[in-house]
């Protein structure tokens, strides 16, 4: 086996090990949410939708956020209509989430999470890990080192053991 062939077979692992740049998201509350707030700490980004069969996961996301935010854990819910299941306006999304789920975690304005119109965070995740949300309520955990720790699909609940274990592992590294 040639050195070039061996090196090229290692390239995806090296590329996947790069850091996600810090990103800002337009906040549904006005202003911005800057991932730099969690520099050195893990944070979770979840693409959400108000009219999805998985919408009840908002309750678990809020519980997860409440349980770990005091340790520096961050989270951003990113409403998206990429799968045609989001309400018509950010005001409706905000009201729906507050009334039905008591959401206080950071939430962005409605934006695209896939394709050419995707927010730069999701483009970076795709470039570095190959992951693209295939449906609503996909979860992307970024470690304190800025690397993609893991991704989980819609069927993984926010309080799932494997997600909590990954978060706790990352938090232990940042103590």
Protein backbone atom coordinates (compact mmCIF):
# COMPACT_ATOMS: atom_id res chain seq x y z
CA UNK A 1 0.00 0.00 0.00
CA UNK A 2 1.42 3.38 -0.95
CA UNK A 3 1.88 6.15 1.57
CA UNK A 4 -0.48 8.41 -0.43
CA UNK A 5 -3.23 5.78 -0.39
CA UNK A 6 -2.73 5.19 3.34
CA UNK A 7 -2.78 8.93 4.04
CA UNK A 8 -5.92 9.44 1.96
CA UNK A 9 -7.70 6.68 3.88
CA UNK A 10 -6.96 8.59 7.09
CA UNK A 11 -8.15 11.94 5.74
CA UNK A 12 -11.86 11.66 6.72
CA UNK A 13 -10.95 11.02 10.36
CA UNK A 14 -8.60 14.00 10.37
CA UNK A 15 -11.16 16.26 8.65
CA UNK A 16 -13.87 15.10 11.08
CA UNK A 17 -11.63 16.00 14.00
CA UNK A 18 -11.53 19.72 13.15
CA UNK A 19 -13.39 22.20 15.27
CA UNK A 20 -16.73 23.81 14.52
CA UNK A 21 -16.26 27.56 14.29
CA UNK A 22 -18.27 29.69 16.67
CA UNK A 23 -21.56 30.79 15.15
CA UNK A 24 -24.26 33.30 15.86
CA UNK A 25 -27.95 32.57 15.47
CA UNK A 26 -30.65 35.23 15.26
CA UNK A 27 -32.61 34.80 18.51
CA UNK A 28 -36.37 34.41 18.48
CA UNK A 29 -36.32 36.87 21.42
CA UNK A 30 -34.33 39.47 19.47
CA UNK A 31 -30.58 39.87 19.37
CA UNK A 32 -28.31 36.92 18.79
CA UNK A 33 -27.23 33.65 20.37
CA UNK A 34 -23.46 33.21 20.09
CA UNK A 35 -22.02 29.72 20.55
CA UNK A 36 -18.89 31.41 21.88
CA UNK A 37 -20.85 31.71 25.14
CA UNK A 38 -20.12 28.01 25.64
CA UNK A 39 -16.45 28.09 24.67
CA UNK A 40 -14.83 25.21 26.54
CA UNK A 41 -18.25 23.72 27.39
CA UNK A 42 -20.52 21.37 25.46
CA UNK A 43 -23.67 22.52 23.74
CA UNK A 44 -26.52 20.84 21.90
CA UNK A 45 -28.19 22.16 18.75
CA UNK A 46 -31.58 20.69 17.87
CA UNK A 47 -33.63 21.44 14.77
CA UNK A 48 -37.26 21.67 15.87
CA UNK A 49 -40.78 22.09 14.48
CA UNK A 50 -44.08 22.87 16.17
CA UNK A 51 -46.31 20.56 14.12
CA UNK A 52 -44.21 17.39 14.15
CA UNK A 53 -44.93 14.04 15.74
CA UNK A 54 -41.76 14.61 17.81
CA UNK A 55 -42.79 18.08 19.04
CA UNK A 56 -43.41 16.68 22.55
CA UNK A 57 -39.61 16.39 22.79
CA UNK A 58 -39.60 20.10 23.66
CA UNK A 59 -40.49 19.06 27.24
CA UNK A 60 -37.46 16.76 27.44
CA UNK A 61 -35.19 19.36 25.85
CA UNK A 62 -36.23 21.92 28.45
CA UNK A 63 -35.66 19.36 31.23
CA UNK A 64 -32.21 18.53 29.83
CA UNK A 65 -31.33 22.23 29.60
CA UNK A 66 -32.56 22.92 33.15
CA UNK A 67 -30.61 19.98 34.55
CA UNK A 68 -27.23 20.80 33.00
CA UNK A 69 -27.10 24.54 32.27
CA UNK A 70 -25.78 25.35 35.77
CA UNK A 71 -22.70 23.30 34.81
CA UNK A 72 -22.18 25.43 31.70
CA UNK A 73 -24.05 23.24 29.21
CA UNK A 74 -25.62 25.17 26.36
CA UNK A 75 -28.48 24.44 24.02
CA UNK A 76 -30.11 26.03 21.01
CA UNK A 77 -33.47 24.99 19.61
CA UNK A 78 -33.54 25.89 15.92
CA UNK A 79 -37.08 25.99 14.51
CA UNK A 80 -37.08 25.01 10.85
CA UNK A 81 -39.72 24.63 8.18
CA UNK A 82 -37.45 22.48 5.98
CA UNK A 83 -39.89 19.59 6.47
CA UNK A 84 -43.03 21.77 6.20
CA UNK A 85 -44.04 21.36 9.84
CA UNK A 86 -43.36 24.75 11.40
CA UNK A 87 -45.81 27.53 12.22
CA UNK A 88 -46.04 30.56 9.93
CA UNK A 89 -44.18 33.13 12.06
CA UNK A 90 -41.52 33.33 14.74
CA UNK A 91 -44.08 35.00 17.04
CA UNK A 92 -46.37 31.96 16.70
CA UNK A 93 -43.46 29.56 17.34
CA UNK A 94 -42.34 31.48 20.43
CA UNK A 95 -45.88 31.64 21.83
CA UNK A 96 -46.54 27.96 21.09
CA UNK A 97 -43.34 26.87 22.83
CA UNK A 98 -43.83 29.08 25.87
CA UNK A 99 -47.51 28.19 26.38
CA UNK A 100 -47.25 24.45 25.73
CA UNK A 101 -43.76 23.64 27.01
CA UNK A 102 -42.57 26.54 29.18
CA UNK A 103 -39.50 26.91 26.98
CA UNK A 104 -36.76 29.14 28.38
CA UNK A 105 -33.79 27.58 26.57
CA UNK A 106 -32.22 29.70 23.82
CA UNK A 107 -34.19 29.47 20.60
CA UNK A 108 -33.33 30.88 17.21
CA UNK A 109 -35.60 32.38 14.65
CA UNK A 110 -36.95 29.93 12.09
CA UNK A 111 -34.22 28.99 9.63
CA UNK A 112 -33.08 26.33 7.22
CA UNK A 113 -30.97 23.44 8.51
CA UNK A 114 -30.19 21.66 5.23
CA UNK A 115 -29.37 22.45 1.64
CA UNK A 116 -27.90 25.59 0.14
CA UNK A 117 -29.94 27.86 2.43
CA UNK A 118 -28.84 26.10 5.64
CA UNK A 119 -27.48 28.17 8.51
CA UNK A 120 -23.64 28.12 8.43
CA UNK A 121 -23.52 25.99 11.61
CA UNK A 122 -25.32 23.15 9.84
CA UNK A 123 -23.11 23.57 6.77
CA UNK A 124 -20.03 23.27 9.02
CA UNK A 125 -21.42 20.17 10.73
CA UNK A 126 -22.06 18.60 7.32
CA UNK A 127 -18.56 19.48 6.08
CA UNK A 128 -16.84 18.15 9.20
CA UNK A 129 -18.96 15.11 10.06
CA UNK A 130 -21.18 14.41 7.05
CA UNK A 131 -24.29 14.80 9.21
CA UNK A 132 -27.38 16.51 7.79
CA UNK A 133 -30.72 16.54 9.63
CA UNK A 134 -33.04 14.04 7.94
CA UNK A 135 -36.08 15.17 9.92
CA UNK A 136 -37.04 17.41 12.83
CA UNK A 137 -35.57 17.02 16.31
CA UNK A 138 -32.13 15.83 15.23
CA UNK A 139 -29.55 16.51 17.93
CA UNK A 140 -25.95 17.63 17.42
CA UNK A 141 -23.63 17.70 20.44
CA UNK A 142 -20.56 19.91 20.19
CA UNK A 143 -17.87 19.24 22.79
CA UNK A 144 -15.98 21.77 24.82
CA UNK A 145 -13.14 21.36 22.32
CA UNK A 146 -15.44 22.52 19.50
CA UNK A 147 -15.65 19.10 17.85
CA UNK A 148 -18.80 17.20 16.89
CA UNK A 149 -19.14 14.65 19.70
CA UNK A 150 -22.19 12.93 18.28
CA UNK A 151 -25.41 13.25 16.37
CA UNK A 152 -28.75 11.64 17.11
CA UNK A 153 -31.90 11.36 15.06
CA UNK A 154 -35.50 12.21 15.88
CA UNK A 155 -36.23 8.95 17.67
CA UNK A 156 -33.57 9.60 20.32
CA UNK A 157 -35.35 11.34 23.17
CA UNK A 158 -33.61 14.28 24.89
CA UNK A 159 -33.28 12.36 28.16
CA UNK A 160 -31.95 9.19 26.45
CA UNK A 161 -29.14 7.51 28.39
CA UNK A 162 -26.63 7.70 25.51
CA UNK A 163 -27.18 11.45 25.04
CA UNK A 164 -26.98 12.18 28.77
CA UNK A 165 -23.82 10.06 29.05
CA UNK A 166 -22.19 12.02 26.20
CA UNK A 167 -23.15 15.37 27.78
CA UNK A 168 -21.91 14.35 31.22
CA UNK A 169 -18.67 13.04 29.73
CA UNK A 170 -18.08 16.36 27.97
CA UNK A 171 -18.97 18.36 31.09
CA UNK A 172 -16.48 16.31 33.14
CA UNK A 173 -13.74 17.31 30.70
CA UNK A 174 -14.50 20.99 31.16
CA UNK A 175 -14.47 21.06 34.98
